[in-house]
Amino acid sequence: MKLSDYAKSLGVSYKTAWRMWKRGELNATQLTTGTVIVNFDKPINKGVVIYARVSSSENKSNLDTQVQRLESYCCAKGYTVVRIVKEVGSGVNDNRRKLIHLLNQDDYSLIICEHKDRLSRVGFNYLKVLLNQLGRDIEVVNLATERTDDLMHDFVSIITSFCARLYSIRRRTRKTECIVKCLQEDECD
């Protein structure tokens, strides 16, 4: 089967299938014409993980409906779902426990999420590139933009995060100055 047809059967882009072949994950050969032919001796699909997230516990009921939509999508595409991850937390938080645990696992080949910002508001493309290096990918079901009230909530979260970091830096600077002063006084004695 041609690599393009193989990619369609997996439900991934041709570029993803090409990267999989270049990494040696496919039992395939390249003809002198450049066409890549995939043999089906070696199974490569480990399954998919559904990732659903909401920003606050007030929206927790939306997690189940989000997961139902994603399960229907996976069923229609013929994907085998190996795990469902539900998380409550801000999309700008880079320390979400369940997402970090998921990224450390290797029993899946694809993460399915409803919108890009459900996985991450910041750095989505970095995640995609790094997962591609590990032989995995991210598939976004709906590329439409989010509602503005959710964006405002994340905007406030970003400002709060930066303010906390700024005050933390100031506190560390004062502490460092105090330590230096104490050390200088000890040297003078």
N, C-alpha and C. Protein backbone atom coordinates (compact mmCIF):
# COMPACT_ATOMS: atom_id res chain seq x y z
N MET A 1 0.85 -1.17 0.00
CA MET A 1 0.00 0.00 0.00
C MET A 1 0.90 1.23 0.00
N LYS A 2 0.52 2.24 -0.79
CA LYS A 2 1.29 3.48 -0.84
C LYS A 2 1.21 4.20 0.50
N LEU A 3 2.26 4.96 0.80
CA LEU A 3 2.33 5.66 2.07
C LEU A 3 1.16 6.63 2.25
N SER A 4 0.73 7.30 1.19
CA SER A 4 -0.39 8.23 1.28
C SER A 4 -1.68 7.50 1.65
N ASP A 5 -1.90 6.34 1.06
CA ASP A 5 -3.09 5.54 1.40
C ASP A 5 -3.00 5.01 2.83
N TYR A 6 -1.80 4.63 3.23
CA TYR A 6 -1.59 4.14 4.58
C TYR A 6 -1.90 5.24 5.60
N ALA A 7 -1.45 6.47 5.32
CA ALA A 7 -1.72 7.60 6.21
C ALA A 7 -3.22 7.83 6.35
N LYS A 8 -3.94 7.75 5.22
CA LYS A 8 -5.40 7.94 5.26
C LYS A 8 -6.07 6.85 6.10
N SER A 9 -5.57 5.62 5.97
CA SER A 9 -6.18 4.53 6.73
C SER A 9 -5.95 4.68 8.23
N LEU A 10 -4.83 5.31 8.61
CA LEU A 10 -4.55 5.56 10.02
C LEU A 10 -5.27 6.81 10.53
N GLY A 11 -5.65 7.68 9.60
CA GLY A 11 -6.26 8.93 10.00
C GLY A 11 -5.25 9.98 10.40
N VAL A 12 -4.04 9.89 9.86
CA VAL A 12 -3.00 10.88 10.15
C VAL A 12 -2.61 11.55 8.84
N SER A 13 -1.89 12.65 8.94
CA SER A 13 -1.47 13.36 7.74
C SER A 13 -0.34 12.60 7.05
N TYR A 14 -0.13 12.93 5.79
CA TYR A 14 0.94 12.29 5.03
C TYR A 14 2.29 12.61 5.67
N LYS A 15 2.47 13.86 6.15
CA LYS A 15 3.73 14.25 6.77
C LYS A 15 4.03 13.39 8.00
N THR A 16 3.00 13.11 8.79
CA THR A 16 3.20 12.28 9.98
C THR A 16 3.63 10.87 9.58
N ALA A 17 2.96 10.31 8.57
CA ALA A 17 3.33 8.97 8.08
C ALA A 17 4.75 8.98 7.52
N TRP A 18 5.14 10.05 6.83
CA TRP A 18 6.49 10.17 6.27
C TRP A 18 7.52 10.19 7.41
N ARG A 19 7.23 10.96 8.46
CA ARG A 19 8.14 11.01 9.61
C ARG A 19 8.24 9.64 10.28
N MET A 20 7.13 8.94 10.36
CA MET A 20 7.14 7.60 10.94
C MET A 20 8.04 6.68 10.12
N TRP A 21 7.95 6.79 8.80
CA TRP A 21 8.79 5.96 7.92
C TRP A 21 10.26 6.34 8.08
N LYS A 22 10.55 7.64 8.13
CA LYS A 22 11.93 8.10 8.26
C LYS A 22 12.55 7.65 9.59
N ARG A 23 11.73 7.53 10.63
CA ARG A 23 12.22 7.08 11.93
C ARG A 23 12.35 5.57 12.00
N GLY A 24 11.91 4.87 10.98
CA GLY A 24 12.03 3.42 10.95
C GLY A 24 10.91 2.70 11.68
N GLU A 25 9.79 3.37 11.90
CA GLU A 25 8.66 2.77 12.62
C GLU A 25 7.75 1.96 11.72
N LEU A 26 7.93 2.07 10.42
CA LEU A 26 7.07 1.35 9.48
C LEU A 26 7.88 0.28 8.76
N ASN A 27 7.22 -0.84 8.50
CA ASN A 27 7.83 -1.87 7.67
C ASN A 27 7.51 -1.47 6.24
N ALA A 28 8.42 -0.72 5.63
CA ALA A 28 8.17 -0.15 4.30
C ALA A 28 9.46 -0.11 3.50
N THR A 29 9.30 -0.02 2.18
CA THR A 29 10.44 0.11 1.28
C THR A 29 10.16 1.25 0.32
N GLN A 30 11.24 1.84 -0.19
CA GLN A 30 11.08 2.93 -1.15
C GLN A 30 11.52 2.43 -2.52
N LEU A 31 10.64 2.64 -3.49
CA LEU A 31 10.95 2.25 -4.86
C LEU A 31 11.92 3.25 -5.47
N THR A 32 12.51 2.91 -6.59
CA THR A 32 13.44 3.82 -7.26
C THR A 32 12.74 5.09 -7.73
N THR A 33 11.43 5.03 -7.88
CA THR A 33 10.67 6.22 -8.28
C THR A 33 10.44 7.17 -7.11
N GLY A 34 10.75 6.70 -5.89
CA GLY A 34 10.55 7.53 -4.70
C GLY A 34 9.31 7.16 -3.92
N THR A 35 8.45 6.34 -4.51
CA THR A 35 7.22 5.93 -3.83
C THR A 35 7.54 4.99 -2.68
N VAL A 36 6.91 5.24 -1.53
CA VAL A 36 7.11 4.40 -0.35
C VAL A 36 5.95 3.42 -0.27
N ILE A 37 6.29 2.14 -0.20
CA ILE A 37 5.29 1.07 -0.10
C ILE A 37 5.35 0.49 1.31
N VAL A 38 4.20 0.47 1.98
CA VAL A 38 4.12 -0.01 3.36
C VAL A 38 3.63 -1.46 3.37
N ASN A 39 4.34 -2.33 4.10
CA ASN A 39 3.93 -3.72 4.31
C ASN A 39 3.24 -3.80 5.67
N PHE A 40 2.31 -4.70 5.83
CA PHE A 40 1.53 -4.77 7.06
C PHE A 40 2.01 -5.82 8.05
N ASP A 41 3.27 -6.22 7.99
CA ASP A 41 3.78 -7.23 8.90
C ASP A 41 3.92 -6.71 10.32
N LYS A 42 4.24 -5.44 10.48
CA LYS A 42 4.56 -4.89 11.78
C LYS A 42 3.46 -3.91 12.22
N PRO A 43 2.72 -4.21 13.30
CA PRO A 43 1.71 -3.26 13.74
C PRO A 43 2.37 -2.05 14.39
N ILE A 44 1.85 -0.84 14.09
CA ILE A 44 2.47 0.36 14.63
C ILE A 44 1.50 1.17 15.49
N ASN A 45 0.22 0.96 15.32
CA ASN A 45 -0.73 1.79 16.03
C ASN A 45 -0.92 1.28 17.46
N LYS A 46 -0.48 2.06 18.43
CA LYS A 46 -0.62 1.68 19.83
C LYS A 46 -1.96 2.14 20.40
N GLY A 47 -2.69 2.92 19.67
CA GLY A 47 -3.96 3.44 20.17
C GLY A 47 -3.88 4.94 20.41
N VAL A 48 -5.00 5.49 20.82
CA VAL A 48 -5.07 6.93 21.04
C VAL A 48 -5.51 7.22 22.47
N VAL A 49 -5.17 8.42 22.90
CA VAL A 49 -5.59 8.92 24.20
C VAL A 49 -6.48 10.13 23.97
N ILE A 50 -7.61 10.15 24.65
CA ILE A 50 -8.49 11.31 24.61
C ILE A 50 -8.10 12.22 25.77
N TYR A 51 -7.86 13.50 25.45
CA TYR A 51 -7.54 14.47 26.49
C TYR A 51 -8.61 15.55 26.50
N ALA A 52 -9.26 15.72 27.66
CA ALA A 52 -10.29 16.74 27.82
C ALA A 52 -9.93 17.61 29.02
N ARG A 53 -10.15 18.91 28.88
CA ARG A 53 -9.81 19.84 29.96
C ARG A 53 -10.82 20.98 30.00
N VAL A 54 -11.11 21.43 31.20
CA VAL A 54 -11.87 22.66 31.40
C VAL A 54 -11.06 23.54 32.34
N SER A 55 -11.33 24.85 32.29
CA SER A 55 -10.52 25.81 33.04
C SER A 55 -10.82 25.84 34.53
N SER A 56 -12.06 25.62 34.90
CA SER A 56 -12.40 25.74 36.32
C SER A 56 -13.39 24.64 36.72
N SER A 57 -13.51 24.44 38.02
CA SER A 57 -14.41 23.40 38.52
C SER A 57 -15.87 23.74 38.25
N GLU A 58 -16.17 25.02 37.99
CA GLU A 58 -17.54 25.41 37.63
C GLU A 58 -17.97 24.75 36.32
N ASN A 59 -17.02 24.49 35.45
CA ASN A 59 -17.30 23.89 34.14
C ASN A 59 -17.07 22.37 34.13
N LYS A 60 -16.93 21.78 35.31
CA LYS A 60 -16.60 20.35 35.39
C LYS A 60 -17.61 19.46 34.66
N SER A 61 -18.87 19.87 34.63
CA SER A 61 -19.88 19.07 33.93
C SER A 61 -19.62 19.01 32.43
N ASN A 62 -18.92 20.00 31.90
CA ASN A 62 -18.60 20.01 30.47
C ASN A 62 -17.57 18.94 30.09
N LEU A 63 -16.81 18.46 31.08
CA LEU A 63 -15.82 17.42 30.79
C LEU A 63 -16.45 16.17 30.19
N ASP A 64 -17.55 15.73 30.78
CA ASP A 64 -18.20 14.51 30.30
C ASP A 64 -18.73 14.67 28.88
N THR A 65 -19.34 15.82 28.58
CA THR A 65 -19.86 16.02 27.22
C THR A 65 -18.71 16.16 26.22
N GLN A 66 -17.61 16.77 26.65
CA GLN A 66 -16.43 16.89 25.80
C GLN A 66 -15.88 15.49 25.47
N VAL A 67 -15.82 14.64 26.49
CA VAL A 67 -15.32 13.27 26.31
C VAL A 67 -16.26 12.48 25.40
N GLN A 68 -17.56 12.64 25.56
CA GLN A 68 -18.53 11.93 24.70
C GLN A 68 -18.34 12.31 23.24
N ARG A 69 -18.15 13.60 22.97
CA ARG A 69 -17.92 14.04 21.58
C ARG A 69 -16.64 13.43 21.03
N LEU A 70 -15.60 13.41 21.84
CA LEU A 70 -14.32 12.86 21.39
C LEU A 70 -14.38 11.35 21.19
N GLU A 71 -15.13 10.65 22.05
CA GLU A 71 -15.31 9.21 21.87
C GLU A 71 -16.06 8.91 20.58
N SER A 72 -17.07 9.70 20.28
CA SER A 72 -17.81 9.52 19.02
C SER A 72 -16.91 9.75 17.83
N TYR A 73 -16.06 10.77 17.92
CA TYR A 73 -15.11 11.08 16.85
C TYR A 73 -14.15 9.91 16.64
N CYS A 74 -13.59 9.39 17.73
CA CYS A 74 -12.64 8.26 17.64
C CYS A 74 -13.32 7.02 17.07
N CYS A 75 -14.55 6.80 17.46
CA CYS A 75 -15.29 5.65 16.95
C CYS A 75 -15.50 5.79 15.44
N ALA A 76 -15.85 6.99 15.00
CA ALA A 76 -16.08 7.23 13.57
C ALA A 76 -14.79 7.08 12.76
N LYS A 77 -13.65 7.42 13.35
CA LYS A 77 -12.37 7.31 12.65
C LYS A 77 -11.77 5.91 12.77
N GLY A 78 -12.36 5.06 13.62
CA GLY A 78 -11.85 3.71 13.79
C GLY A 78 -10.66 3.62 14.74
N TYR A 79 -10.47 4.60 15.59
CA TYR A 79 -9.37 4.61 16.54
C TYR A 79 -9.66 3.70 17.73
N THR A 80 -8.61 3.14 18.29
CA THR A 80 -8.72 2.37 19.51
C THR A 80 -8.30 3.28 20.67
N VAL A 81 -9.23 3.58 21.54
CA VAL A 81 -8.95 4.46 22.68
C VAL A 81 -8.36 3.64 23.81
N VAL A 82 -7.14 4.00 24.23
CA VAL A 82 -6.48 3.27 25.31
C VAL A 82 -6.65 3.97 26.67
N ARG A 83 -6.95 5.26 26.65
CA ARG A 83 -7.09 5.99 27.90
C ARG A 83 -7.84 7.29 27.65
N ILE A 84 -8.58 7.70 28.69
CA ILE A 84 -9.26 9.00 28.67
C ILE A 84 -8.73 9.80 29.84
N VAL A 85 -8.22 10.99 29.55
CA VAL A 85 -7.67 11.86 30.60
C VAL A 85 -8.57 13.09 30.70
N LYS A 86 -9.12 13.30 31.91
CA LYS A 86 -9.95 14.47 32.19
C LYS A 86 -9.21 15.33 33.20
N GLU A 87 -9.16 16.64 32.92
CA GLU A 87 -8.41 17.51 33.82
C GLU A 87 -9.11 18.85 33.98
N VAL A 88 -9.01 19.41 35.19
CA VAL A 88 -9.51 20.74 35.48
C VAL A 88 -8.31 21.60 35.78
N GLY A 89 -8.10 22.65 34.99
CA GLY A 89 -6.95 23.53 35.21
C GLY A 89 -6.82 24.51 34.06
N SER A 90 -6.08 25.55 34.30
CA SER A 90 -5.88 26.59 33.30
C SER A 90 -5.02 26.08 32.16
N GLY A 91 -5.33 26.52 30.96
CA GLY A 91 -4.56 26.13 29.79
C GLY A 91 -3.18 26.76 29.75
N VAL A 92 -2.95 27.80 30.56
CA VAL A 92 -1.63 28.43 30.59
C VAL A 92 -0.75 27.83 31.68
N ASN A 93 -1.32 26.98 32.53
CA ASN A 93 -0.56 26.33 33.58
C ASN A 93 0.33 25.26 32.95
N ASP A 94 1.63 25.38 33.12
CA ASP A 94 2.54 24.40 32.53
C ASP A 94 2.91 23.30 33.52
N ASN A 95 2.13 23.18 34.58
CA ASN A 95 2.42 22.16 35.59
C ASN A 95 1.16 21.37 35.92
N ARG A 96 0.39 21.00 34.87
CA ARG A 96 -0.81 20.19 35.08
C ARG A 96 -0.40 18.74 35.25
N ARG A 97 -0.73 18.20 36.42
CA ARG A 97 -0.27 16.87 36.83
C ARG A 97 -0.67 15.78 35.84
N LYS A 98 -1.94 15.76 35.42
CA LYS A 98 -2.42 14.69 34.54
C LYS A 98 -1.81 14.79 33.14
N LEU A 99 -1.63 16.00 32.64
CA LEU A 99 -1.02 16.16 31.31
C LEU A 99 0.44 15.73 31.35
N ILE A 100 1.15 16.11 32.39
CA ILE A 100 2.55 15.70 32.51
C ILE A 100 2.67 14.17 32.60
N HIS A 101 1.78 13.56 33.37
CA HIS A 101 1.77 12.10 33.47
C HIS A 101 1.51 11.47 32.10
N LEU A 102 0.56 12.03 31.35
CA LEU A 102 0.24 11.53 30.02
C LEU A 102 1.44 11.65 29.09
N LEU A 103 2.12 12.79 29.11
CA LEU A 103 3.26 13.00 28.22
C LEU A 103 4.42 12.06 28.56
N ASN A 104 4.49 11.59 29.80
CA ASN A 104 5.54 10.65 30.20
C ASN A 104 5.22 9.20 29.83
N GLN A 105 3.99 8.91 29.43
CA GLN A 105 3.60 7.56 29.02
C GLN A 105 3.99 7.33 27.57
N ASP A 106 4.11 6.06 27.19
CA ASP A 106 4.46 5.76 25.79
C ASP A 106 3.59 4.67 25.19
N ASP A 107 2.41 4.44 25.74
CA ASP A 107 1.55 3.37 25.25
C ASP A 107 0.49 3.87 24.26
N TYR A 108 0.73 4.99 23.63
CA TYR A 108 -0.21 5.55 22.66
C TYR A 108 0.58 6.18 21.52
N SER A 109 -0.12 6.37 20.41
CA SER A 109 0.54 7.00 19.27
C SER A 109 -0.08 8.35 18.92
N LEU A 110 -1.22 8.67 19.53
CA LEU A 110 -1.93 9.89 19.15
C LEU A 110 -2.73 10.42 20.34
N ILE A 111 -2.67 11.74 20.53
CA ILE A 111 -3.51 12.41 21.53
C ILE A 111 -4.61 13.13 20.76
N ILE A 112 -5.85 12.88 21.15
CA ILE A 112 -7.00 13.53 20.53
C ILE A 112 -7.53 14.57 21.50
N CYS A 113 -7.68 15.81 21.03
CA CYS A 113 -8.29 16.85 21.85
C CYS A 113 -9.27 17.63 20.99
N GLU A 114 -10.25 18.25 21.65
CA GLU A 114 -11.31 18.92 20.90
C GLU A 114 -10.83 20.22 20.27
N HIS A 115 -10.12 21.04 21.01
CA HIS A 115 -9.56 22.31 20.52
C HIS A 115 -8.08 22.36 20.91
N LYS A 116 -7.29 23.12 20.17
CA LYS A 116 -5.88 23.26 20.50
C LYS A 116 -5.68 23.74 21.93
N ASP A 117 -6.50 24.69 22.35
CA ASP A 117 -6.32 25.26 23.67
C ASP A 117 -6.76 24.34 24.80
N ARG A 118 -7.42 23.23 24.48
CA ARG A 118 -7.74 22.26 25.53
C ARG A 118 -6.45 21.58 26.00
N LEU A 119 -5.51 21.40 25.09
CA LEU A 119 -4.22 20.81 25.46
C LEU A 119 -3.31 21.87 26.07
N SER A 120 -3.20 23.02 25.41
CA SER A 120 -2.36 24.09 25.93
C SER A 120 -2.69 25.40 25.23
N ARG A 121 -2.81 26.46 26.01
CA ARG A 121 -3.03 27.79 25.43
C ARG A 121 -1.73 28.36 24.87
N VAL A 122 -0.62 27.95 25.47
CA VAL A 122 0.69 28.49 25.08
C VAL A 122 1.60 27.32 24.74
N GLY A 123 2.25 27.39 23.59
CA GLY A 123 3.25 26.39 23.23
C GLY A 123 2.70 25.10 22.63
N PHE A 124 1.52 25.14 22.05
CA PHE A 124 0.92 23.95 21.46
C PHE A 124 1.84 23.36 20.39
N ASN A 125 2.37 24.21 19.53
CA ASN A 125 3.22 23.71 18.43
C ASN A 125 4.51 23.08 18.95
N TYR A 126 5.02 23.58 20.08
CA TYR A 126 6.21 22.95 20.67
C TYR A 126 5.89 21.53 21.12
N LEU A 127 4.72 21.37 21.76
CA LEU A 127 4.30 20.03 22.19
C LEU A 127 4.18 19.10 20.99
N LYS A 128 3.59 19.60 19.92
CA LYS A 128 3.39 18.79 18.71
C LYS A 128 4.73 18.35 18.13
N VAL A 129 5.67 19.26 18.03
CA VAL A 129 6.99 18.94 17.47
C VAL A 129 7.70 17.90 18.34
N LEU A 130 7.68 18.11 19.66
CA LEU A 130 8.36 17.17 20.55
C LEU A 130 7.71 15.79 20.53
N LEU A 131 6.39 15.74 20.49
CA LEU A 131 5.72 14.43 20.40
C LEU A 131 6.03 13.74 19.07
N ASN A 132 6.13 14.52 18.00
CA ASN A 132 6.48 13.94 16.71
C ASN A 132 7.88 13.32 16.75
N GLN A 133 8.79 13.92 17.50
CA GLN A 133 10.13 13.36 17.64
C GLN A 133 10.10 12.02 18.37
N LEU A 134 9.06 11.82 19.19
CA LEU A 134 8.91 10.56 19.94
C LEU A 134 8.03 9.55 19.21
N GLY A 135 7.62 9.89 17.99
CA GLY A 135 6.79 8.96 17.22
C GLY A 135 5.32 9.06 17.55
N ARG A 136 4.91 10.14 18.17
CA ARG A 136 3.51 10.36 18.52
C ARG A 136 3.03 11.64 17.87
N ASP A 137 1.73 11.86 17.93
CA ASP A 137 1.18 13.07 17.31
C ASP A 137 -0.02 13.55 18.10
N ILE A 138 -0.49 14.74 17.75
CA ILE A 138 -1.67 15.35 18.34
C ILE A 138 -2.65 15.60 17.20
N GLU A 139 -3.90 15.23 17.42
CA GLU A 139 -4.95 15.52 16.44
C GLU A 139 -6.01 16.39 17.10
N VAL A 140 -6.25 17.54 16.49
CA VAL A 140 -7.25 18.47 16.99
C VAL A 140 -8.51 18.28 16.17
N VAL A 141 -9.62 18.04 16.85
CA VAL A 141 -10.88 17.75 16.17
C VAL A 141 -11.49 19.02 15.61
N ASN A 142 -11.55 20.07 16.40
CA ASN A 142 -12.22 21.30 16.00
C ASN A 142 -11.22 22.45 16.02
N LEU A 143 -10.93 23.01 14.86
CA LEU A 143 -9.95 24.09 14.79
C LEU A 143 -10.59 25.47 14.93
N ALA A 144 -11.87 25.53 15.26
CA ALA A 144 -12.56 26.81 15.44
C ALA A 144 -12.05 27.49 16.71
N THR A 145 -12.23 28.80 16.79
CA THR A 145 -11.75 29.55 17.94
C THR A 145 -12.69 29.40 19.12
N GLU A 146 -12.16 29.68 20.30
CA GLU A 146 -12.91 29.54 21.55
C GLU A 146 -13.74 30.78 21.84
N ARG A 147 -14.62 30.63 22.83
CA ARG A 147 -15.45 31.75 23.28
C ARG A 147 -14.57 32.79 23.97
N THR A 148 -15.01 34.06 23.94
CA THR A 148 -14.20 35.14 24.49
C THR A 148 -14.15 35.12 26.01
N ASP A 149 -15.20 34.66 26.72
CA ASP A 149 -15.15 34.65 28.18
C ASP A 149 -14.09 33.67 28.69
N ASP A 150 -13.88 32.56 27.98
CA ASP A 150 -12.84 31.62 28.34
C ASP A 150 -11.47 32.24 28.09
N LEU A 151 -11.34 33.00 27.01
CA LEU A 151 -10.08 33.68 26.72
C LEU A 151 -9.77 34.73 27.79
N MET A 152 -10.80 35.45 28.24
CA MET A 152 -10.59 36.45 29.27
C MET A 152 -10.12 35.80 30.57
N HIS A 153 -10.69 34.67 30.90
CA HIS A 153 -10.27 33.94 32.11
C HIS A 153 -8.79 33.57 32.00
N ASP A 154 -8.36 33.08 30.85
CA ASP A 154 -6.96 32.72 30.66
C ASP A 154 -6.06 33.96 30.64
N PHE A 155 -6.56 35.07 30.11
CA PHE A 155 -5.79 36.31 30.10
C PHE A 155 -5.52 36.76 31.54
N VAL A 156 -6.53 36.71 32.38
CA VAL A 156 -6.36 37.06 33.79
C VAL A 156 -5.38 36.10 34.46
N SER A 157 -5.45 34.82 34.10
CA SER A 157 -4.53 33.83 34.67
C SER A 157 -3.09 34.13 34.29
N ILE A 158 -2.87 34.55 33.05
CA ILE A 158 -1.52 34.89 32.59
C ILE A 158 -0.98 36.08 33.38
N ILE A 159 -1.79 37.12 33.52
CA ILE A 159 -1.35 38.31 34.26
C ILE A 159 -1.07 37.96 35.72
N THR A 160 -1.93 37.15 36.32
CA THR A 160 -1.72 36.73 37.71
C THR A 160 -0.42 35.94 37.84
N SER A 161 -0.17 35.05 36.89
CA SER A 161 1.05 34.25 36.92
C SER A 161 2.29 35.13 36.81
N PHE A 162 2.27 36.09 35.88
CA PHE A 162 3.42 36.98 35.72
C PHE A 162 3.64 37.86 36.95
N CYS A 163 2.55 38.33 37.56
CA CYS A 163 2.68 39.13 38.78
C CYS A 163 3.30 38.31 39.91
N ALA A 164 2.85 37.07 40.05
CA ALA A 164 3.40 36.20 41.09
C ALA A 164 4.89 35.96 40.86
N ARG A 165 5.27 35.75 39.63
CA ARG A 165 6.69 35.55 39.32
C ARG A 165 7.50 36.81 39.62
N LEU A 166 6.94 37.98 39.27
CA LEU A 166 7.62 39.24 39.51
C LEU A 166 7.86 39.45 41.00
N TYR A 167 6.84 39.24 41.82
CA TYR A 167 6.99 39.40 43.26
C TYR A 167 7.94 38.36 43.83
N SER A 168 7.93 37.17 43.29
CA SER A 168 8.85 36.13 43.73
C SER A 168 10.29 36.52 43.43
N ILE A 169 10.53 37.10 42.26
CA ILE A 169 11.88 37.55 41.88
C ILE A 169 12.35 38.65 42.82
N ARG A 170 11.46 39.59 43.14
CA ARG A 170 11.82 40.67 44.06
C ARG A 170 12.17 40.12 45.43
N ARG A 171 11.37 39.16 45.90
CA ARG A 171 11.62 38.56 47.21
C ARG A 171 12.97 37.85 47.22
N ARG A 172 13.27 37.12 46.15
CA ARG A 172 14.55 36.41 46.07
C ARG A 172 15.71 37.39 46.04
N THR A 173 15.52 38.54 45.33
CA THR A 173 16.58 39.54 45.25
C THR A 173 16.86 40.11 46.63
N ARG A 174 15.80 40.44 47.39
CA ARG A 174 15.99 40.97 48.75
C ARG A 174 16.68 39.94 49.64
N LYS A 175 16.31 38.68 49.49
CA LYS A 175 16.91 37.62 50.30
C LYS A 175 18.38 37.47 49.95
N THR A 176 18.72 37.53 48.67
CA THR A 176 20.11 37.43 48.22
C THR A 176 20.92 38.60 48.78
N GLU A 177 20.35 39.81 48.72
CA GLU A 177 21.04 40.98 49.26
C GLU A 177 21.30 40.82 50.75
N CYS A 178 20.34 40.26 51.47
CA CYS A 178 20.50 40.03 52.91
C CYS A 178 21.62 39.03 53.18
N ILE A 179 21.68 37.96 52.40
CA ILE A 179 22.72 36.94 52.56
C ILE A 179 24.10 37.54 52.29
N VAL A 180 24.21 38.34 51.23
CA VAL A 180 25.49 38.98 50.89
C VAL A 180 25.91 39.91 52.01
N LYS A 181 24.97 40.69 52.55
CA LYS A 181 25.27 41.62 53.65
C LYS A 181 25.76 40.86 54.87
N CYS A 182 25.10 39.75 55.21
CA CYS A 182 25.52 38.94 56.36
C CYS A 182 26.92 38.37 56.15
N LEU A 183 27.19 37.90 54.93
CA LEU A 183 28.51 37.35 54.63
C LEU A 183 29.59 38.42 54.72
N GLN A 184 29.28 39.64 54.26
CA GLN A 184 30.25 40.74 54.32
C GLN A 184 30.50 41.12 55.76
N GLU A 185 29.48 41.11 56.60
CA GLU A 185 29.65 41.46 58.02
C GLU A 185 30.51 40.40 58.71
N ASP A 186 30.33 39.12 58.34
CA ASP A 186 31.12 38.05 58.93
C ASP A 186 32.60 38.18 58.54
N GLU A 187 32.86 38.63 57.30
CA GLU A 187 34.25 38.79 56.85
C GLU A 187 34.92 39.95 57.58
N CYS A 188 34.14 40.97 57.89
CA CYS A 188 34.71 42.14 58.56
C CYS A 188 35.03 41.85 60.02
N ASP A 189 34.34 40.90 60.61
CA ASP A 189 34.56 40.58 62.05
C ASP A 189 35.78 39.80 62.29
